Amino acid sequence: MMTDPIADMLTRIRNAVRVERPHVDMPCSKVKRGVAKVLKREGYIWDWTEIEQQPSNLLRLELKYGPNGERVIRQIRRISKPGRRVYCRAQRLKPILNGLGISIISTSGGVISDREARQKKLGGEVLCELW
């Protein structure tokens, strides 16, 4: 039984990027779908698709690399964990690496990046940071 599916997703992405895989598959959920949408919107992955399969659907992320094979996702870190939830107001969200990275926030309006959260003035649970 998996206790933290978001951490599992981030670990799968981290491992796939390290060995330069073109895509990575994982079990699908609403929150993971939201994280994938944010990663695509912010330019960290090419695309994502949901693959119909039994007993549960799979989420496939098409990973992005630079023209010479350099990694677009250099580091990805889980912030809020099941044992210690981290919440933040929109005013307290600071840019990661002076705007070179993003935080992914779970808000009442869905899963969004820190830039969108500051723009919409929404706070929420800080899921992860990446750059």
Protein backbone atom coordinates (compact mmCIF):
# COMPACT_ATOMS: atom_id res chain seq x y z
CA MET A 1 0.00 0.00 0.00
CA MET A 2 1.30 3.42 -1.00
CA THR A 3 1.05 6.09 1.72
CA ASP A 4 2.16 9.08 -0.37
CA PRO A 5 1.20 8.85 -4.07
CA ILE A 6 2.52 12.36 -4.88
CA ALA A 7 5.97 11.48 -3.51
CA ASP A 8 5.85 8.30 -5.62
CA MET A 9 5.04 10.39 -8.71
CA LEU A 10 7.91 12.80 -8.04
CA THR A 11 10.34 9.92 -7.44
CA ARG A 12 9.32 8.26 -10.72
CA ILE A 13 9.91 11.55 -12.58
CA ARG A 14 13.26 12.10 -10.82
CA ASN A 15 14.47 8.58 -11.64
CA ALA A 16 13.30 8.74 -15.28
CA VAL A 17 15.03 12.11 -15.83
CA ARG A 18 18.29 10.79 -14.35
CA VAL A 19 18.44 7.90 -16.84
CA GLU A 20 17.07 10.11 -19.68
CA ARG A 21 13.89 8.14 -20.43
CA PRO A 22 11.58 9.66 -23.05
CA HIS A 23 8.48 9.06 -20.89
CA VAL A 24 7.39 7.79 -17.50
CA ASP A 25 4.18 5.93 -16.50
CA MET A 26 2.39 6.01 -13.15
CA PRO A 27 -1.07 5.31 -11.70
CA CYS A 28 -3.49 8.17 -12.42
CA SER A 29 -5.44 10.35 -9.96
CA LYS A 30 -7.01 13.82 -10.02
CA VAL A 31 -4.12 15.46 -8.15
CA LYS A 32 -1.48 13.78 -10.35
CA ARG A 33 -3.41 14.92 -13.43
CA GLY A 34 -3.37 18.47 -12.01
CA VAL A 35 0.39 18.30 -11.38
CA ALA A 36 0.92 17.06 -14.96
CA LYS A 37 -1.15 19.98 -16.32
CA VAL A 38 0.99 22.46 -14.35
CA LEU A 39 4.24 20.82 -15.55
CA LYS A 40 3.06 21.11 -19.17
CA ARG A 41 1.81 24.69 -18.76
CA GLU A 42 5.13 25.76 -17.22
CA GLY A 43 7.20 23.98 -19.92
CA TYR A 44 8.81 21.20 -17.88
CA ILE A 45 7.33 18.33 -19.92
CA TRP A 46 6.24 18.01 -23.57
CA ASP A 47 2.82 16.48 -22.91
CA TRP A 48 0.84 14.02 -20.78
CA THR A 49 -1.75 11.40 -21.68
CA GLU A 50 -4.08 9.17 -19.73
CA ILE A 51 -3.96 5.53 -20.82
CA GLU A 52 -7.06 3.37 -20.23
CA GLN A 53 -6.07 0.21 -18.40
CA GLN A 54 -7.48 -2.20 -15.83
CA PRO A 55 -7.74 -1.95 -12.80
CA SER A 56 -6.78 1.76 -12.92
CA ASN A 57 -5.71 4.19 -15.62
CA LEU A 58 -2.08 5.15 -16.21
CA LEU A 59 -0.71 8.66 -16.53
CA ARG A 60 2.14 8.97 -19.06
CA LEU A 61 4.40 12.04 -18.99
CA GLU A 62 6.52 12.81 -22.07
CA LEU A 63 9.70 14.21 -20.50
CA LYS A 64 11.48 17.20 -21.98
CA TYR A 65 15.21 17.57 -22.61
CA GLY A 66 17.27 20.36 -24.19
CA PRO A 67 18.77 20.24 -27.71
CA ASN A 68 22.00 18.67 -26.40
CA GLY A 69 20.25 16.31 -23.97
CA GLU A 70 20.41 18.60 -20.92
CA ARG A 71 17.70 18.09 -18.32
CA VAL A 72 14.84 20.56 -18.07
CA ILE A 73 13.88 19.22 -14.62
CA ARG A 74 17.10 19.44 -12.62
CA GLN A 75 15.69 18.94 -9.14
CA ILE A 76 12.25 18.09 -7.79
CA ARG A 77 11.42 18.10 -4.07
CA ARG A 78 8.34 17.17 -2.05
CA ILE A 79 7.47 19.91 0.47
CA SER A 80 4.17 18.93 2.12
CA LYS A 81 4.20 15.35 3.40
CA PRO A 82 1.51 13.18 5.03
CA GLY A 83 3.15 13.66 8.45
CA ARG A 84 3.70 17.40 8.03
CA ARG A 85 1.38 19.39 5.81
CA VAL A 86 2.72 22.76 4.67
CA TYR A 87 0.23 25.52 3.80
CA CYS A 88 1.05 28.98 2.52
CA ARG A 89 -0.87 32.17 1.78
CA ALA A 90 -0.55 33.81 -1.62
CA GLN A 91 1.35 36.80 -0.15
CA ARG A 92 3.99 34.50 1.39
CA LEU A 93 4.73 32.50 -1.78
CA LYS A 94 8.26 33.43 -2.83
CA PRO A 95 9.69 32.80 -6.31
CA ILE A 96 11.94 29.72 -6.47
CA LEU A 97 15.50 30.62 -7.62
CA ASN A 98 14.35 34.16 -8.48
CA GLY A 99 11.68 32.83 -10.85
CA LEU A 100 13.72 30.07 -12.53
CA GLY A 101 11.79 27.34 -10.67
CA ILE A 102 8.21 26.81 -9.57
CA SER A 103 6.21 25.58 -6.60
CA ILE A 104 3.11 23.50 -7.24
CA ILE A 105 0.22 24.44 -4.96
CA SER A 106 -3.03 22.57 -4.30
CA THR A 107 -5.71 25.24 -3.84
CA SER A 108 -9.49 25.40 -3.66
CA GLY A 109 -9.35 26.32 -7.37
CA GLY A 110 -7.32 23.23 -8.31
CA VAL A 111 -3.62 22.46 -8.65
CA ILE A 112 -1.71 25.53 -9.90
CA SER A 113 1.82 26.96 -9.95
CA ASP A 114 3.04 29.58 -7.49
CA ARG A 115 2.94 32.24 -10.22
CA GLU A 116 -0.74 31.58 -10.88
CA ALA A 117 -1.46 31.44 -7.12
CA ARG A 118 0.10 34.87 -6.58
CA GLN A 119 -1.79 36.25 -9.59
CA LYS A 120 -5.15 34.81 -8.43
CA LYS A 121 -4.35 35.58 -4.75
CA LEU A 122 -4.96 31.95 -3.73
CA GLY A 123 -3.10 30.07 -1.02
CA GLY A 124 -3.05 26.37 -0.31
CA GLU A 125 -0.97 23.28 0.32
CA VAL A 126 2.54 23.45 -1.16
CA LEU A 127 2.97 20.07 -2.86
CA CYS A 128 6.48 20.38 -4.33
CA GLU A 129 9.20 22.63 -5.74
CA LEU A 130 11.14 22.06 -8.93
CA TRP A 131 13.75 23.78 -11.04
